[in-house]
Amino acid sequence: MDTKAAVIALLSVWGVGATATVPATAQETEDATDDEGTDNPLLNKVWVLADKDESRPGPMQIFLQDGTLVTDSCWETYRLSKWQQVSETEISWDEDGMTISADIASLSADELVLNLKLGKDVQEQRYVVATVPYVCPDMIKG
């Protein structure tokens, strides 16, 4: 999946995708994965930060095979960053000119746990694969 496809997928999640798009069949999706030659469960999935407050879903991360990280949430605009897999158990990405490093504590087909190294602190973040369809809730007005 390239950056353009990721943005289109993200817009589709928002419900504002192009009207001329045709949904991919399971066979097309499987073929695309085979063509890319990857079996890395981290890649090309929409990971949503699991949070205790389901009324305010957490940010989404999409780690694309081409080294692009798509970050988005229902509450902020999306961001495209460069990311890399440093080793089997470590990734890093650029965020506002800073390199964020994270250990992959666990990774399965439907769950990702990262330990972000933030200076002297380590922050655990648990992600799950987004369900489809996915629509952000209305913002609470107060």
N, C-alpha and C. Protein backbone atom coordinates (compact mmCIF):
# COMPACT_ATOMS: atom_id res chain seq x y z
N MET A 1 0.86 -1.17 0.00
CA MET A 1 0.00 0.00 0.00
C MET A 1 0.91 1.22 0.00
N ASP A 2 0.73 2.11 -0.95
CA ASP A 2 1.54 3.31 -0.99
C ASP A 2 0.87 4.44 -0.21
N THR A 3 1.52 5.57 -0.13
CA THR A 3 1.01 6.70 0.66
C THR A 3 -0.35 7.17 0.14
N LYS A 4 -0.50 7.25 -1.18
CA LYS A 4 -1.78 7.70 -1.76
C LYS A 4 -2.90 6.75 -1.36
N ALA A 5 -2.63 5.44 -1.43
CA ALA A 5 -3.65 4.46 -1.06
C ALA A 5 -4.00 4.57 0.42
N ALA A 6 -3.00 4.86 1.26
CA ALA A 6 -3.26 5.00 2.69
C ALA A 6 -4.15 6.21 2.97
N VAL A 7 -3.90 7.30 2.29
CA VAL A 7 -4.71 8.51 2.49
C VAL A 7 -6.14 8.25 2.01
N ILE A 8 -6.29 7.55 0.88
CA ILE A 8 -7.64 7.22 0.39
C ILE A 8 -8.33 6.30 1.39
N ALA A 9 -7.60 5.32 1.94
CA ALA A 9 -8.18 4.43 2.94
C ALA A 9 -8.60 5.22 4.17
N LEU A 10 -7.77 6.18 4.58
CA LEU A 10 -8.09 7.00 5.74
C LEU A 10 -9.32 7.86 5.48
N LEU A 11 -9.42 8.43 4.29
CA LEU A 11 -10.60 9.21 3.94
C LEU A 11 -11.84 8.34 3.92
N SER A 12 -11.69 7.10 3.48
CA SER A 12 -12.81 6.17 3.48
C SER A 12 -13.27 5.89 4.89
N VAL A 13 -12.32 5.76 5.82
CA VAL A 13 -12.67 5.56 7.23
C VAL A 13 -13.50 6.75 7.72
N TRP A 14 -13.13 7.94 7.26
CA TRP A 14 -13.87 9.14 7.65
C TRP A 14 -15.22 9.23 6.94
N GLY A 15 -15.40 8.45 5.88
CA GLY A 15 -16.65 8.50 5.13
C GLY A 15 -16.65 9.57 4.06
N VAL A 16 -15.48 10.04 3.63
CA VAL A 16 -15.42 11.08 2.61
C VAL A 16 -14.58 10.65 1.42
N GLY A 17 -14.49 9.36 1.17
CA GLY A 17 -13.69 8.85 0.06
C GLY A 17 -14.29 9.23 -1.27
N ALA A 18 -13.53 9.03 -2.31
CA ALA A 18 -13.99 9.33 -3.66
C ALA A 18 -15.15 8.39 -4.01
N THR A 19 -16.14 8.90 -4.74
CA THR A 19 -17.32 8.11 -5.06
C THR A 19 -17.04 7.06 -6.12
N ALA A 20 -15.99 7.21 -6.89
CA ALA A 20 -15.71 6.27 -7.97
C ALA A 20 -14.86 5.08 -7.52
N THR A 21 -14.55 5.00 -6.23
CA THR A 21 -13.72 3.89 -5.78
C THR A 21 -14.53 2.61 -5.70
N VAL A 22 -13.87 1.50 -5.95
CA VAL A 22 -14.51 0.19 -5.88
C VAL A 22 -13.84 -0.57 -4.74
N PRO A 23 -14.63 -1.16 -3.85
CA PRO A 23 -14.01 -1.88 -2.73
C PRO A 23 -13.15 -3.03 -3.24
N ALA A 24 -12.03 -3.25 -2.58
CA ALA A 24 -11.16 -4.36 -2.94
C ALA A 24 -11.79 -5.66 -2.46
N THR A 25 -11.66 -6.70 -3.27
CA THR A 25 -12.13 -8.01 -2.84
C THR A 25 -11.06 -8.66 -2.00
N ALA A 26 -11.42 -9.70 -1.30
CA ALA A 26 -10.44 -10.40 -0.47
C ALA A 26 -9.29 -10.92 -1.32
N GLN A 27 -9.58 -11.39 -2.52
CA GLN A 27 -8.54 -11.91 -3.40
C GLN A 27 -7.57 -10.80 -3.79
N GLU A 28 -8.09 -9.61 -4.14
CA GLU A 28 -7.22 -8.49 -4.51
C GLU A 28 -6.33 -8.09 -3.35
N THR A 29 -6.88 -8.06 -2.15
CA THR A 29 -6.10 -7.70 -0.97
C THR A 29 -5.01 -8.73 -0.72
N GLU A 30 -5.34 -10.01 -0.85
CA GLU A 30 -4.36 -11.06 -0.64
C GLU A 30 -3.25 -10.97 -1.68
N ASP A 31 -3.62 -10.73 -2.95
CA ASP A 31 -2.62 -10.61 -4.02
C ASP A 31 -1.69 -9.43 -3.76
N ALA A 32 -2.24 -8.31 -3.30
CA ALA A 32 -1.41 -7.13 -3.05
C ALA A 32 -0.39 -7.42 -1.96
N THR A 33 -0.80 -8.12 -0.92
CA THR A 33 0.13 -8.47 0.14
C THR A 33 1.22 -9.41 -0.38
N ASP A 34 0.82 -10.39 -1.21
CA ASP A 34 1.80 -11.31 -1.78
C ASP A 34 2.81 -10.58 -2.65
N ASP A 35 2.33 -9.61 -3.44
CA ASP A 35 3.22 -8.85 -4.32
C ASP A 35 4.25 -8.06 -3.53
N GLU A 36 3.87 -7.57 -2.35
CA GLU A 36 4.79 -6.78 -1.54
C GLU A 36 5.80 -7.67 -0.83
N GLY A 37 5.51 -8.98 -0.75
CA GLY A 37 6.45 -9.92 -0.18
C GLY A 37 6.72 -9.73 1.31
N THR A 38 5.74 -9.31 2.05
CA THR A 38 5.96 -9.10 3.48
C THR A 38 5.00 -9.96 4.29
N ASP A 39 5.49 -10.46 5.39
CA ASP A 39 4.62 -11.15 6.33
C ASP A 39 4.70 -10.47 7.69
N ASN A 40 5.18 -9.24 7.71
CA ASN A 40 5.31 -8.46 8.93
C ASN A 40 3.92 -7.99 9.36
N PRO A 41 3.40 -8.47 10.51
CA PRO A 41 2.05 -8.10 10.94
C PRO A 41 1.90 -6.62 11.33
N LEU A 42 3.00 -5.90 11.44
CA LEU A 42 2.94 -4.47 11.78
C LEU A 42 2.44 -3.63 10.61
N LEU A 43 2.75 -4.07 9.39
CA LEU A 43 2.58 -3.24 8.21
C LEU A 43 1.16 -3.21 7.65
N ASN A 44 0.82 -2.04 7.08
CA ASN A 44 -0.36 -1.84 6.25
C ASN A 44 -1.68 -2.15 6.95
N LYS A 45 -1.74 -1.91 8.25
CA LYS A 45 -2.97 -2.05 9.03
C LYS A 45 -3.25 -0.74 9.74
N VAL A 46 -4.51 -0.48 10.00
CA VAL A 46 -4.87 0.70 10.79
C VAL A 46 -4.91 0.27 12.25
N TRP A 47 -3.91 0.74 13.02
CA TRP A 47 -3.80 0.44 14.43
C TRP A 47 -4.43 1.58 15.22
N VAL A 48 -5.36 1.29 16.11
CA VAL A 48 -6.03 2.30 16.93
C VAL A 48 -5.59 2.12 18.37
N LEU A 49 -5.17 3.21 19.00
CA LEU A 49 -4.76 3.16 20.40
C LEU A 49 -5.95 2.71 21.25
N ALA A 50 -5.77 1.64 21.99
CA ALA A 50 -6.82 1.12 22.87
C ALA A 50 -6.87 2.00 24.10
N ASP A 51 -8.04 2.49 24.42
CA ASP A 51 -8.20 3.41 25.54
C ASP A 51 -9.38 2.95 26.38
N LYS A 52 -9.35 3.32 27.63
CA LYS A 52 -10.45 2.95 28.53
C LYS A 52 -11.72 3.72 28.21
N ASP A 53 -11.60 4.90 27.60
CA ASP A 53 -12.75 5.74 27.28
C ASP A 53 -13.17 5.51 25.83
N GLU A 54 -14.13 4.60 25.61
CA GLU A 54 -14.55 4.26 24.25
C GLU A 54 -15.29 5.41 23.56
N SER A 55 -15.79 6.40 24.31
CA SER A 55 -16.49 7.53 23.69
C SER A 55 -15.50 8.49 23.03
N ARG A 56 -14.23 8.35 23.35
CA ARG A 56 -13.20 9.21 22.76
C ARG A 56 -12.07 8.30 22.25
N PRO A 57 -12.25 7.74 21.02
CA PRO A 57 -11.25 6.80 20.51
C PRO A 57 -9.89 7.44 20.34
N GLY A 58 -8.88 6.63 20.50
CA GLY A 58 -7.51 7.11 20.44
C GLY A 58 -7.01 7.29 19.02
N PRO A 59 -5.78 7.76 18.91
CA PRO A 59 -5.18 7.99 17.60
C PRO A 59 -4.94 6.69 16.84
N MET A 60 -4.80 6.84 15.52
CA MET A 60 -4.54 5.72 14.63
C MET A 60 -3.13 5.83 14.07
N GLN A 61 -2.50 4.70 13.86
CA GLN A 61 -1.17 4.64 13.25
C GLN A 61 -1.25 3.61 12.11
N ILE A 62 -0.68 3.97 10.96
CA ILE A 62 -0.56 3.04 9.83
C ILE A 62 0.89 3.04 9.42
N PHE A 63 1.58 1.92 9.64
CA PHE A 63 2.97 1.76 9.27
C PHE A 63 3.02 1.16 7.86
N LEU A 64 3.34 1.99 6.88
CA LEU A 64 3.39 1.51 5.50
C LEU A 64 4.76 0.93 5.19
N GLN A 65 4.77 -0.03 4.29
CA GLN A 65 6.00 -0.71 3.92
C GLN A 65 7.02 0.23 3.30
N ASP A 66 6.56 1.32 2.68
CA ASP A 66 7.49 2.25 2.02
C ASP A 66 8.18 3.21 2.99
N GLY A 67 7.94 3.05 4.32
CA GLY A 67 8.59 3.89 5.31
C GLY A 67 7.79 5.13 5.69
N THR A 68 6.53 5.18 5.27
CA THR A 68 5.65 6.29 5.65
C THR A 68 4.80 5.85 6.83
N LEU A 69 4.71 6.71 7.84
CA LEU A 69 3.82 6.49 8.97
C LEU A 69 2.69 7.49 8.87
N VAL A 70 1.45 6.98 8.81
CA VAL A 70 0.26 7.84 8.80
C VAL A 70 -0.29 7.84 10.22
N THR A 71 -0.39 9.02 10.82
CA THR A 71 -0.94 9.16 12.16
C THR A 71 -2.17 10.05 12.06
N ASP A 72 -3.25 9.63 12.70
CA ASP A 72 -4.49 10.39 12.63
C ASP A 72 -5.30 10.13 13.89
N SER A 73 -6.29 10.95 14.11
CA SER A 73 -7.24 10.71 15.19
C SER A 73 -8.54 11.41 14.82
N CYS A 74 -9.56 11.13 15.59
CA CYS A 74 -10.85 11.78 15.36
C CYS A 74 -10.81 13.25 15.76
N TRP A 75 -9.77 13.64 16.51
CA TRP A 75 -9.75 14.96 17.11
C TRP A 75 -8.69 15.89 16.53
N GLU A 76 -7.74 15.34 15.79
CA GLU A 76 -6.68 16.16 15.19
C GLU A 76 -6.50 15.78 13.74
N THR A 77 -5.82 16.62 12.99
CA THR A 77 -5.57 16.34 11.59
C THR A 77 -4.50 15.26 11.43
N TYR A 78 -4.43 14.65 10.26
CA TYR A 78 -3.46 13.57 10.07
C TYR A 78 -2.05 14.11 9.88
N ARG A 79 -1.07 13.21 10.08
CA ARG A 79 0.35 13.54 9.94
C ARG A 79 1.00 12.42 9.15
N LEU A 80 1.88 12.77 8.22
CA LEU A 80 2.71 11.81 7.51
C LEU A 80 4.14 11.99 7.99
N SER A 81 4.76 10.91 8.44
CA SER A 81 6.13 10.94 8.96
C SER A 81 6.91 9.79 8.35
N LYS A 82 8.22 9.87 8.46
CA LYS A 82 9.09 8.76 8.08
C LYS A 82 9.27 7.87 9.29
N TRP A 83 9.23 6.54 9.07
CA TRP A 83 9.48 5.60 10.13
C TRP A 83 10.41 4.51 9.61
N GLN A 84 11.02 3.77 10.55
CA GLN A 84 11.87 2.65 10.16
C GLN A 84 11.82 1.57 11.23
N GLN A 85 12.03 0.34 10.80
CA GLN A 85 12.14 -0.76 11.74
C GLN A 85 13.63 -0.97 11.97
N VAL A 86 14.09 -0.56 13.14
CA VAL A 86 15.50 -0.60 13.49
C VAL A 86 15.98 -2.04 13.67
N SER A 87 15.13 -2.86 14.30
CA SER A 87 15.42 -4.28 14.50
C SER A 87 14.08 -5.00 14.59
N GLU A 88 14.10 -6.29 14.85
CA GLU A 88 12.84 -7.03 14.97
C GLU A 88 12.00 -6.51 16.13
N THR A 89 12.65 -5.91 17.12
CA THR A 89 11.93 -5.49 18.32
C THR A 89 11.96 -3.99 18.56
N GLU A 90 12.42 -3.20 17.58
CA GLU A 90 12.47 -1.75 17.77
C GLU A 90 12.12 -1.01 16.49
N ILE A 91 11.31 0.04 16.65
CA ILE A 91 10.98 0.94 15.54
C ILE A 91 11.28 2.37 15.98
N SER A 92 11.36 3.25 15.00
CA SER A 92 11.51 4.68 15.33
C SER A 92 10.84 5.48 14.24
N TRP A 93 10.45 6.71 14.58
CA TRP A 93 9.86 7.62 13.60
C TRP A 93 10.20 9.04 13.97
N ASP A 94 10.05 9.91 12.99
CA ASP A 94 10.32 11.32 13.18
C ASP A 94 9.01 12.03 13.52
N GLU A 95 9.03 12.81 14.58
CA GLU A 95 7.85 13.58 14.98
C GLU A 95 8.29 14.99 15.35
N ASP A 96 7.97 15.95 14.51
CA ASP A 96 8.33 17.35 14.74
C ASP A 96 9.83 17.53 14.92
N GLY A 97 10.62 16.82 14.11
CA GLY A 97 12.06 16.96 14.17
C GLY A 97 12.74 16.13 15.23
N MET A 98 11.96 15.39 16.04
CA MET A 98 12.53 14.52 17.08
C MET A 98 12.36 13.07 16.65
N THR A 99 13.33 12.24 16.98
CA THR A 99 13.20 10.82 16.72
C THR A 99 12.58 10.15 17.93
N ILE A 100 11.47 9.48 17.70
CA ILE A 100 10.79 8.73 18.75
C ILE A 100 11.17 7.26 18.54
N SER A 101 11.72 6.64 19.57
CA SER A 101 12.07 5.22 19.52
C SER A 101 11.09 4.44 20.37
N ALA A 102 10.78 3.24 19.90
CA ALA A 102 9.85 2.40 20.66
C ALA A 102 10.24 0.94 20.53
N ASP A 103 10.19 0.23 21.64
CA ASP A 103 10.37 -1.21 21.63
C ASP A 103 9.02 -1.85 21.34
N ILE A 104 9.03 -2.89 20.52
CA ILE A 104 7.82 -3.66 20.26
C ILE A 104 7.74 -4.71 21.36
N ALA A 105 6.89 -4.45 22.36
CA ALA A 105 6.75 -5.37 23.49
C ALA A 105 6.04 -6.64 23.05
N SER A 106 5.00 -6.49 22.21
CA SER A 106 4.32 -7.65 21.63
C SER A 106 3.63 -7.22 20.35
N LEU A 107 3.51 -8.18 19.44
CA LEU A 107 2.91 -7.92 18.13
C LEU A 107 2.25 -9.20 17.65
N SER A 108 0.96 -9.09 17.36
CA SER A 108 0.22 -10.22 16.78
C SER A 108 -0.58 -9.67 15.61
N ALA A 109 -1.40 -10.50 15.01
CA ALA A 109 -2.20 -10.07 13.87
C ALA A 109 -3.20 -8.99 14.24
N ASP A 110 -3.60 -8.91 15.51
CA ASP A 110 -4.62 -7.93 15.89
C ASP A 110 -4.28 -7.08 17.11
N GLU A 111 -3.05 -7.18 17.62
CA GLU A 111 -2.66 -6.34 18.76
C GLU A 111 -1.19 -5.95 18.67
N LEU A 112 -0.90 -4.70 19.03
CA LEU A 112 0.44 -4.16 19.03
C LEU A 112 0.65 -3.43 20.36
N VAL A 113 1.73 -3.77 21.06
CA VAL A 113 2.08 -3.07 22.29
C VAL A 113 3.47 -2.48 22.10
N LEU A 114 3.54 -1.15 22.22
CA LEU A 114 4.79 -0.42 22.08
C LEU A 114 5.20 0.17 23.42
N ASN A 115 6.49 0.17 23.69
CA ASN A 115 7.05 0.88 24.83
C ASN A 115 7.85 2.05 24.27
N LEU A 116 7.25 3.25 24.32
CA LEU A 116 7.90 4.45 23.79
C LEU A 116 8.97 4.93 24.75
N LYS A 117 10.14 5.21 24.21
CA LYS A 117 11.26 5.73 25.00
C LYS A 117 11.22 7.25 24.90
N LEU A 118 10.75 7.88 25.95
CA LEU A 118 10.59 9.34 25.97
C LEU A 118 11.54 9.91 27.01
N GLY A 119 12.78 10.14 26.59
CA GLY A 119 13.80 10.59 27.53
C GLY A 119 14.08 9.47 28.52
N LYS A 120 13.96 9.78 29.81
CA LYS A 120 14.17 8.77 30.86
C LYS A 120 12.92 7.93 31.10
N ASP A 121 11.78 8.39 30.57
CA ASP A 121 10.52 7.70 30.79
C ASP A 121 10.23 6.70 29.67
N VAL A 122 9.48 5.65 30.03
CA VAL A 122 8.98 4.67 29.07
C VAL A 122 7.46 4.66 29.20
N GLN A 123 6.77 4.86 28.08
CA GLN A 123 5.31 4.89 28.09
C GLN A 123 4.79 3.73 27.26
N GLU A 124 3.96 2.88 27.87
CA GLU A 124 3.38 1.76 27.15
C GLU A 124 2.12 2.22 26.41
N GLN A 125 2.01 1.83 25.15
CA GLN A 125 0.82 2.11 24.35
C GLN A 125 0.35 0.80 23.73
N ARG A 126 -0.93 0.50 23.90
CA ARG A 126 -1.51 -0.73 23.35
C ARG A 126 -2.46 -0.36 22.22
N TYR A 127 -2.25 -0.98 21.06
CA TYR A 127 -3.07 -0.73 19.87
C TYR A 127 -3.79 -2.00 19.47
N VAL A 128 -4.95 -1.83 18.86
CA VAL A 128 -5.69 -2.94 18.26
C VAL A 128 -6.00 -2.54 16.82
N VAL A 129 -6.24 -3.55 15.99
CA VAL A 129 -6.58 -3.28 14.59
C VAL A 129 -7.97 -2.65 14.56
N ALA A 130 -8.13 -1.60 13.76
CA ALA A 130 -9.42 -0.91 13.64
C ALA A 130 -10.46 -1.84 13.02
N THR A 131 -11.67 -1.72 13.51
CA THR A 131 -12.77 -2.46 12.90
C THR A 131 -13.31 -1.66 11.72
N VAL A 132 -13.80 -2.37 10.72
CA VAL A 132 -14.33 -1.72 9.52
C VAL A 132 -15.78 -2.12 9.40
N PRO A 133 -16.70 -1.21 9.21
CA PRO A 133 -16.47 0.23 9.05
C PRO A 133 -16.19 0.88 10.39
N TYR A 134 -15.54 2.05 10.33
CA TYR A 134 -15.15 2.81 11.51
C TYR A 134 -15.53 4.25 11.26
N VAL A 135 -16.29 4.83 12.16
CA VAL A 135 -16.70 6.23 12.04
C VAL A 135 -16.41 6.92 13.36
N CYS A 136 -15.75 8.06 13.29
CA CYS A 136 -15.48 8.82 14.49
C CYS A 136 -16.79 9.32 15.08
N PRO A 137 -16.91 9.31 16.42
CA PRO A 137 -18.12 9.84 17.05
C PRO A 137 -18.16 11.35 16.92
N ASP A 138 -19.36 11.91 17.08
CA ASP A 138 -19.49 13.36 17.08
C ASP A 138 -18.71 13.92 18.25
N MET A 139 -18.12 15.08 18.01
CA MET A 139 -17.37 15.75 19.10
C MET A 139 -18.35 16.23 20.16
N ILE A 140 -17.94 16.07 21.41
CA ILE A 140 -18.77 16.53 22.52
C ILE A 140 -18.62 18.04 22.63
N LYS A 141 -19.75 18.73 22.62
CA LYS A 141 -19.73 20.19 22.73
C LYS A 141 -20.15 20.57 24.13
N GLY A 142 -19.34 21.39 24.71
CA GLY A 142 -19.64 21.71 26.11
C GLY A 142 -19.66 23.14 26.42
